[in-house]
Amino acid sequence: MQLLDRARSYLAKCPPAISGAGGHNITFTVAVALTHGFNLSRSDALLLLKEYNLKCTPAWSENELNHKINEAIKT
């Protein structure tokens, strides 16, 4: 299985981020897993975070997703 496919399988098991229910922490944890756990490039991590974002309520903006990836990389 390819790395991106493994990361997608991980994302499928992650709970959706829900505003008011720890959504920021969940999404940040996902961003860290993509950038450090799977060691994806920034662009691949952002691509998958955008896919994960489809199940978040409400969905994060493009700027918020970029910020989460940037902060995850710094961690």
N, C-alpha and C. Protein backbone atom coordinates (compact mmCIF):
# COMPACT_ATOMS: atom_id res chain seq x y z
N MET A 1 0.84 -1.18 0.00
CA MET A 1 0.00 0.00 0.00
C MET A 1 0.89 1.24 0.00
N GLN A 2 0.52 2.20 -0.81
CA GLN A 2 1.28 3.45 -0.91
C GLN A 2 1.07 4.31 0.33
N LEU A 3 2.01 5.20 0.58
CA LEU A 3 1.98 6.05 1.76
C LEU A 3 0.70 6.89 1.82
N LEU A 4 0.32 7.51 0.72
CA LEU A 4 -0.90 8.33 0.73
C LEU A 4 -2.14 7.48 1.02
N ASP A 5 -2.16 6.26 0.51
CA ASP A 5 -3.28 5.37 0.79
C ASP A 5 -3.34 5.00 2.27
N ARG A 6 -2.18 4.78 2.88
CA ARG A 6 -2.14 4.48 4.32
C ARG A 6 -2.61 5.68 5.12
N ALA A 7 -2.19 6.86 4.71
CA ALA A 7 -2.63 8.07 5.41
C ALA A 7 -4.13 8.27 5.25
N ARG A 8 -4.66 7.98 4.08
CA ARG A 8 -6.12 8.08 3.88
C ARG A 8 -6.86 7.08 4.75
N SER A 9 -6.32 5.90 4.90
CA SER A 9 -6.94 4.90 5.78
C SER A 9 -6.97 5.40 7.22
N TYR A 10 -5.89 6.04 7.63
CA TYR A 10 -5.85 6.64 8.97
C TYR A 10 -6.94 7.70 9.10
N LEU A 11 -7.04 8.59 8.11
CA LEU A 11 -8.03 9.66 8.16
C LEU A 11 -9.46 9.13 8.22
N ALA A 12 -9.70 8.02 7.55
CA ALA A 12 -11.04 7.44 7.56
C ALA A 12 -11.45 7.02 8.97
N LYS A 13 -10.47 6.73 9.82
CA LYS A 13 -10.75 6.30 11.19
C LYS A 13 -10.78 7.46 12.18
N CYS A 14 -10.35 8.64 11.75
CA CYS A 14 -10.33 9.80 12.62
C CYS A 14 -11.73 10.38 12.76
N PRO A 15 -12.07 10.81 13.98
CA PRO A 15 -13.39 11.43 14.15
C PRO A 15 -13.42 12.78 13.44
N PRO A 16 -14.59 13.21 13.03
CA PRO A 16 -14.68 14.53 12.40
C PRO A 16 -14.46 15.62 13.43
N ALA A 17 -13.93 16.73 12.99
CA ALA A 17 -13.77 17.89 13.86
C ALA A 17 -15.10 18.64 13.90
N ILE A 18 -15.58 18.88 15.11
CA ILE A 18 -16.86 19.57 15.28
C ILE A 18 -16.62 20.81 16.13
N SER A 19 -17.05 21.94 15.62
CA SER A 19 -16.89 23.19 16.34
C SER A 19 -17.56 23.09 17.71
N GLY A 20 -16.83 23.53 18.73
CA GLY A 20 -17.35 23.49 20.09
C GLY A 20 -17.14 22.17 20.80
N ALA A 21 -16.61 21.19 20.09
CA ALA A 21 -16.38 19.86 20.68
C ALA A 21 -14.93 19.43 20.49
N GLY A 22 -14.01 20.38 20.63
CA GLY A 22 -12.59 20.06 20.49
C GLY A 22 -12.12 19.95 19.05
N GLY A 23 -12.86 20.58 18.14
CA GLY A 23 -12.53 20.47 16.72
C GLY A 23 -11.13 20.93 16.36
N HIS A 24 -10.68 22.02 16.99
CA HIS A 24 -9.33 22.51 16.69
C HIS A 24 -8.29 21.46 17.06
N ASN A 25 -8.41 20.91 18.27
CA ASN A 25 -7.42 19.93 18.73
C ASN A 25 -7.41 18.68 17.85
N ILE A 26 -8.59 18.23 17.45
CA ILE A 26 -8.67 17.04 16.59
C ILE A 26 -8.01 17.32 15.25
N THR A 27 -8.31 18.46 14.65
CA THR A 27 -7.74 18.79 13.34
C THR A 27 -6.24 18.99 13.44
N PHE A 28 -5.78 19.62 14.51
CA PHE A 28 -4.34 19.81 14.68
C PHE A 28 -3.64 18.47 14.86
N THR A 29 -4.25 17.57 15.61
CA THR A 29 -3.68 16.23 15.80
C THR A 29 -3.55 15.52 14.46
N VAL A 30 -4.56 15.66 13.61
CA VAL A 30 -4.52 15.06 12.27
C VAL A 30 -3.38 15.68 11.46
N ALA A 31 -3.25 17.00 11.51
CA ALA A 31 -2.18 17.68 10.77
C ALA A 31 -0.80 17.22 11.22
N VAL A 32 -0.63 17.04 12.53
CA VAL A 32 0.66 16.55 13.05
C VAL A 32 0.91 15.12 12.59
N ALA A 33 -0.12 14.30 12.61
CA ALA A 33 0.04 12.91 12.15
C ALA A 33 0.45 12.87 10.68
N LEU A 34 -0.13 13.73 9.87
CA LEU A 34 0.20 13.74 8.45
C LEU A 34 1.62 14.23 8.21
N THR A 35 2.02 15.29 8.92
CA THR A 35 3.34 15.87 8.67
C THR A 35 4.48 15.14 9.36
N HIS A 36 4.21 14.61 10.55
CA HIS A 36 5.28 13.95 11.31
C HIS A 36 5.12 12.43 11.34
N GLY A 37 3.92 11.96 11.59
CA GLY A 37 3.70 10.52 11.66
C GLY A 37 3.89 9.84 10.32
N PHE A 38 3.29 10.42 9.29
CA PHE A 38 3.43 9.87 7.94
C PHE A 38 4.56 10.53 7.17
N ASN A 39 5.10 11.62 7.74
CA ASN A 39 6.21 12.34 7.12
C ASN A 39 5.90 12.78 5.69
N LEU A 40 4.67 13.26 5.51
CA LEU A 40 4.27 13.73 4.18
C LEU A 40 4.83 15.11 3.91
N SER A 41 5.00 15.42 2.66
CA SER A 41 5.39 16.77 2.27
C SER A 41 4.26 17.72 2.64
N ARG A 42 4.57 18.99 2.71
CA ARG A 42 3.55 19.98 3.04
C ARG A 42 2.38 19.89 2.07
N SER A 43 2.67 19.79 0.78
CA SER A 43 1.60 19.76 -0.22
C SER A 43 0.74 18.50 -0.10
N ASP A 44 1.35 17.35 0.14
CA ASP A 44 0.57 16.12 0.29
C ASP A 44 -0.25 16.15 1.59
N ALA A 45 0.35 16.66 2.66
CA ALA A 45 -0.37 16.76 3.92
C ALA A 45 -1.57 17.70 3.79
N LEU A 46 -1.39 18.81 3.11
CA LEU A 46 -2.49 19.75 2.90
C LEU A 46 -3.58 19.13 2.03
N LEU A 47 -3.18 18.42 1.00
CA LEU A 47 -4.15 17.73 0.15
C LEU A 47 -5.03 16.79 0.97
N LEU A 48 -4.41 15.99 1.82
CA LEU A 48 -5.18 15.04 2.63
C LEU A 48 -5.97 15.75 3.73
N LEU A 49 -5.42 16.83 4.28
CA LEU A 49 -6.18 17.57 5.28
C LEU A 49 -7.43 18.18 4.65
N LYS A 50 -7.34 18.60 3.41
CA LYS A 50 -8.52 19.11 2.70
C LYS A 50 -9.55 18.01 2.52
N GLU A 51 -9.11 16.80 2.25
CA GLU A 51 -10.04 15.67 2.14
C GLU A 51 -10.71 15.40 3.49
N TYR A 52 -9.92 15.40 4.55
CA TYR A 52 -10.45 15.20 5.90
C TYR A 52 -11.46 16.30 6.23
N ASN A 53 -11.18 17.51 5.80
CA ASN A 53 -12.01 18.68 6.08
C ASN A 53 -13.45 18.50 5.59
N LEU A 54 -13.67 17.64 4.62
CA LEU A 54 -15.02 17.41 4.08
C LEU A 54 -15.97 16.86 5.13
N LYS A 55 -15.43 16.20 6.15
CA LYS A 55 -16.31 15.65 7.18
C LYS A 55 -16.36 16.50 8.45
N CYS A 56 -15.71 17.67 8.42
CA CYS A 56 -15.70 18.56 9.58
C CYS A 56 -16.92 19.49 9.55
N THR A 57 -17.38 19.87 10.76
CA THR A 57 -18.54 20.74 10.86
C THR A 57 -18.23 21.89 11.80
N PRO A 58 -18.22 23.11 11.30
CA PRO A 58 -18.20 23.48 9.89
C PRO A 58 -16.82 23.20 9.29
N ALA A 59 -16.77 23.21 7.99
CA ALA A 59 -15.48 22.98 7.32
C ALA A 59 -14.54 24.15 7.62
N TRP A 60 -13.25 23.83 7.73
CA TRP A 60 -12.24 24.87 7.94
C TRP A 60 -12.01 25.62 6.62
N SER A 61 -11.63 26.89 6.73
CA SER A 61 -11.30 27.66 5.53
C SER A 61 -9.92 27.24 5.01
N GLU A 62 -9.64 27.62 3.80
CA GLU A 62 -8.32 27.34 3.20
C GLU A 62 -7.20 27.94 4.07
N ASN A 63 -7.40 29.16 4.53
CA ASN A 63 -6.39 29.80 5.39
C ASN A 63 -6.19 29.05 6.69
N GLU A 64 -7.28 28.58 7.29
CA GLU A 64 -7.17 27.83 8.54
C GLU A 64 -6.44 26.51 8.34
N LEU A 65 -6.71 25.84 7.24
CA LEU A 65 -6.01 24.58 6.96
C LEU A 65 -4.52 24.82 6.74
N ASN A 66 -4.19 25.86 6.00
CA ASN A 66 -2.78 26.20 5.79
C ASN A 66 -2.11 26.51 7.12
N HIS A 67 -2.79 27.24 7.98
CA HIS A 67 -2.23 27.58 9.29
C HIS A 67 -1.99 26.31 10.11
N LYS A 68 -2.93 25.38 10.10
CA LYS A 68 -2.79 24.15 10.88
C LYS A 68 -1.60 23.32 10.37
N ILE A 69 -1.44 23.23 9.08
CA ILE A 69 -0.30 22.50 8.51
C ILE A 69 1.00 23.19 8.89
N ASN A 70 1.04 24.51 8.76
CA ASN A 70 2.27 25.25 9.10
C ASN A 70 2.64 25.07 10.57
N GLU A 71 1.64 25.14 11.44
CA GLU A 71 1.91 24.96 12.87
C GLU A 71 2.33 23.51 13.18
N ALA A 72 1.72 22.56 12.49
CA ALA A 72 2.08 21.15 12.69
C ALA A 72 3.53 20.92 12.27
N ILE A 73 3.95 21.50 11.20
CA ILE A 73 5.33 21.35 10.73
C ILE A 73 6.31 21.90 11.75
N LYS A 74 5.94 23.01 12.40
CA LYS A 74 6.80 23.63 13.42
C LYS A 74 6.91 22.80 14.69
N THR A 75 5.90 21.97 14.94
CA THR A 75 5.84 21.19 16.18
C THR A 75 6.93 20.14 16.23
